[in-house]
C-alpha atoms as a PDB file:
ATOM      1  CA  MET A   1      35.332 117.170 -22.148  1.00  0.00           C
ATOM      2  CA  ALA A   2      36.876 113.787 -22.739  1.00  0.00           C
ATOM      3  CA  ILE A   3      39.103 112.462 -25.488  1.00  0.00           C
ATOM      4  CA  THR A   4      37.473 109.466 -27.194  1.00  0.00           C
ATOM      5  CA  MET A   5      38.324 106.884 -29.830  1.00  0.00           C
ATOM      6  CA  THR A   6      36.127 104.658 -31.937  1.00  0.00           C
ATOM      7  CA  PRO A   7      36.729 100.896 -31.750  1.00  0.00           C
ATOM      8  CA  ALA A   8      38.256 101.048 -35.270  1.00  0.00           C
ATOM      9  CA  ALA A   9      40.786 103.672 -34.133  1.00  0.00           C
ATOM     10  CA  VAL A  10      41.656 101.704 -30.986  1.00  0.00           C
ATOM     11  CA  ASP A  11      42.257  98.553 -33.035  1.00  0.00           C
ATOM     12  CA  ARG A  12      44.416 100.404 -35.567  1.00  0.00           C
ATOM     13  CA  VAL A  13      46.598 102.095 -32.936  1.00  0.00           C
ATOM     14  CA  LYS A  14      47.036  98.787 -31.065  1.00  0.00           C
ATOM     15  CA  SER A  15      48.103  97.169 -34.342  1.00  0.00           C
ATOM     16  CA  PHE A  16      50.609  99.955 -35.081  1.00  0.00           C
ATOM     17  CA  LEU A  17      52.104  99.746 -31.588  1.00  0.00           C
ATOM     18  CA  ALA A  18      52.311  95.943 -31.726  1.00  0.00           C
ATOM     19  CA  ASN A  19      54.071  96.055 -35.112  1.00  0.00           C
ATOM     20  CA  ARG A  20      56.448  98.712 -33.822  1.00  0.00           C
ATOM     21  CA  GLY A  21      57.286  96.591 -30.771  1.00  0.00           C
ATOM     22  CA  LYS A  22      57.742  99.487 -28.355  1.00  0.00           C
ATOM     23  CA  GLY A  23      56.220 102.786 -27.273  1.00  0.00           C
ATOM     24  CA  LEU A  24      54.116 104.299 -24.523  1.00  0.00           C
ATOM     25  CA  GLY A  25      51.304 105.300 -26.846  1.00  0.00           C
ATOM     26  CA  LEU A  26      50.314 107.751 -29.546  1.00  0.00           C
ATOM     27  CA  ARG A  27      50.756 111.514 -29.374  1.00  0.00           C
ATOM     28  CA  LEU A  28      47.870 113.603 -30.650  1.00  0.00           C
ATOM     29  CA  GLY A  29      49.013 117.162 -31.116  1.00  0.00           C
ATOM     30  CA  LEU A  30      48.860 120.234 -33.295  1.00  0.00           C
ATOM     31  CA  ARG A  31      51.242 122.229 -35.427  1.00  0.00           C
ATOM     32  CA  THR A  32      50.867 125.464 -37.342  1.00  0.00           C
ATOM     33  CA  SER A  33      50.231 124.545 -40.954  1.00  0.00           C
ATOM     34  CA  GLY A  34      48.012 124.785 -43.993  1.00  0.00           C
ATOM     35  CA  CYS A  35      45.593 127.428 -45.159  1.00  0.00           C
ATOM     36  CA  SER A  36      43.451 127.413 -42.023  1.00  0.00           C
ATOM     37  CA  GLY A  37      46.178 127.579 -39.400  1.00  0.00           C
ATOM     38  CA  MET A  38      46.414 124.281 -37.507  1.00  0.00           C
ATOM     39  CA  ALA A  39      47.036 120.684 -38.512  1.00  0.00           C
ATOM     40  CA  TYR A  40      46.822 117.467 -36.507  1.00  0.00           C
ATOM     41  CA  VAL A  41      49.963 115.505 -35.665  1.00  0.00           C
ATOM     42  CA  LEU A  42      50.056 111.802 -34.788  1.00  0.00           C
ATOM     43  CA  GLU A  43      53.321 110.242 -33.676  1.00  0.00           C
ATOM     44  CA  PHE A  44      54.579 107.427 -31.504  1.00  0.00           C
ATOM     45  CA  VAL A  45      55.738 108.316 -27.988  1.00  0.00           C
ATOM     46  CA  ASP A  46      58.667 106.603 -26.303  1.00  0.00           C
ATOM     47  CA  ASP A  47      59.261 109.215 -23.574  1.00  0.00           C
ATOM     48  CA  LEU A  48      56.859 111.650 -21.936  1.00  0.00           C
ATOM     49  CA  ASN A  49      57.449 115.411 -21.800  1.00  0.00           C
ATOM     50  CA  ASP A  50      56.847 117.405 -18.619  1.00  0.00           C
ATOM     51  CA  ASP A  51      53.612 118.956 -19.924  1.00  0.00           C
ATOM     52  CA  ASP A  52      52.101 115.732 -21.338  1.00  0.00           C
ATOM     53  CA  GLU A  53      48.787 114.335 -20.161  1.00  0.00           C
ATOM     54  CA  VAL A  54      48.081 110.638 -20.730  1.00  0.00           C
ATOM     55  CA  TYR A  55      44.547 109.442 -21.519  1.00  0.00           C
ATOM     56  CA  ALA A  56      44.043 105.674 -21.342  1.00  0.00           C
ATOM     57  CA  ILE A  57      41.311 104.633 -23.763  1.00  0.00           C
ATOM     58  CA  ASP A  58      40.489 100.918 -24.086  1.00  0.00           C
ATOM     59  CA  GLY A  59      44.106  99.894 -23.557  1.00  0.00           C
ATOM     60  CA  VAL A  60      45.609 102.661 -25.720  1.00  0.00           C
ATOM     61  CA  ASN A  61      47.475 105.649 -24.286  1.00  0.00           C
ATOM     62  CA  ILE A  62      46.794 108.921 -26.063  1.00  0.00           C
ATOM     63  CA  ILE A  63      49.323 111.570 -25.066  1.00  0.00           C
ATOM     64  CA  ILE A  64      48.483 115.256 -25.482  1.00  0.00           C
ATOM     65  CA  ASP A  65      50.614 118.257 -24.512  1.00  0.00           C
ATOM     66  CA  ALA A  66      49.028 121.095 -22.529  1.00  0.00           C
ATOM     67  CA  LYS A  67      49.072 123.619 -25.420  1.00  0.00           C
ATOM     68  CA  SER A  68      47.306 121.245 -27.813  1.00  0.00           C
ATOM     69  CA  PHE A  69      44.744 120.065 -25.254  1.00  0.00           C
ATOM     70  CA  ILE A  70      42.988 123.441 -25.268  1.00  0.00           C
ATOM     71  CA  TYR A  71      42.038 122.846 -28.922  1.00  0.00           C
ATOM     72  CA  LEU A  72      41.493 119.077 -28.648  1.00  0.00           C
ATOM     73  CA  GLN A  73      39.054 118.834 -25.727  1.00  0.00           C
ATOM     74  CA  GLY A  74      36.162 116.611 -26.761  1.00  0.00           C
ATOM     75  CA  ILE A  75      37.852 115.270 -29.899  1.00  0.00           C
ATOM     76  CA  GLU A  76      37.000 111.810 -31.206  1.00  0.00           C
ATOM     77  CA  LEU A  77      39.685 109.915 -33.109  1.00  0.00           C
ATOM     78  CA  ASP A  78      38.302 107.549 -35.733  1.00  0.00           C
ATOM     79  CA  PHE A  79      39.860 105.279 -38.342  1.00  0.00           C
ATOM     80  CA  VAL A  80      37.911 105.062 -41.582  1.00  0.00           C
ATOM     81  CA  LYS A  81      38.192 103.133 -44.822  1.00  0.00           C
ATOM     82  CA  GLU A  82      36.560 104.644 -47.896  1.00  0.00           C
ATOM     83  CA  GLY A  83      37.192 102.714 -51.069  1.00  0.00           C
ATOM     84  CA  LEU A  84      40.954 102.424 -51.531  1.00  0.00           C
ATOM     85  CA  ASN A  85      41.658 105.175 -48.992  1.00  0.00           C
ATOM     86  CA  GLU A  86      42.048 104.693 -45.275  1.00  0.00           C
ATOM     87  CA  GLY A  87      43.223 106.898 -42.454  1.00  0.00           C
ATOM     88  CA  PHE A  88      42.519 108.623 -39.186  1.00  0.00           C
ATOM     89  CA  GLN A  89      39.665 111.083 -39.011  1.00  0.00           C
ATOM     90  CA  PHE A  90      39.447 113.801 -36.371  1.00  0.00           C
ATOM     91  CA  ASN A  91      35.978 114.758 -35.149  1.00  0.00           C
ATOM     92  CA  ASN A  92      36.815 117.944 -33.270  1.00  0.00           C
ATOM     93  CA  PRO A  93      33.943 119.971 -31.766  1.00  0.00           C
ATOM     94  CA  ASN A  94      36.302 122.962 -31.413  1.00  0.00           C
ATOM     95  CA  ALA A  95      37.004 123.260 -35.148  1.00  0.00           C
ATOM     96  CA  LYS A  96      35.105 126.166 -36.668  1.00  0.00           C
ATOM     97  CA  GLY A  97      36.236 125.506 -40.235  1.00  0.00           C
ATOM     98  CA  GLU A  98      38.551 123.457 -42.416  1.00  0.00           C
ATOM     99  CA  CYS A  99      40.516 124.236 -45.524  1.00  0.00           C
ATOM    100  CA  GLY A 100      39.346 122.783 -48.831  1.00  0.00           C
ATOM    101  CA  CYS A 101      41.960 120.025 -48.890  1.00  0.00           C
ATOM    102  CA  GLY A 102      41.131 118.966 -45.312  1.00  0.00           C
ATOM    103  CA  GLU A 103      44.729 119.227 -44.072  1.00  0.00           C
ATOM    104  CA  SER A 104      44.174 122.067 -41.634  1.00  0.00           C
ATOM    105  CA  PHE A 105      41.467 123.636 -39.490  1.00  0.00           C
ATOM    106  CA  THR A 106      40.707 126.800 -37.556  1.00  0.00           C
ATOM    107  CA  VAL A 107      39.160 127.364 -34.128  1.00  0.00           C
END
C-alpha cells in the first residue's frame, strides 16, 4: 500500500520546508507513547538513516524508517483547519483504535 498526502498537506509541508530553508523532507514515524501505545512523529530530515525509505509525493519527500513503515502502510497525511485549530491528521487504515485524547493509537 502507498503513502499518500492530500493537497492541503503537500502545500503545508512545502511551506514549512521553504520557511526552514533547508531539509530533505519530512519524517513520518512512530514512538511509544500515550494510553494506546503508539504516537505519530513528524520532524524535518536533514540526513537519511540507513533504514530510511523516501517516498516522493507531489514534490515532497516523506521519509519513513523500516520499523515504522509496517504500521504506516496505506496512511494518508492530511492538513485540516477546524475553527481556530489546525494541524496534521493521520488517516491510518492499520489503526484499530485511538485513545480518547487522540494522541495515540493501537494496531
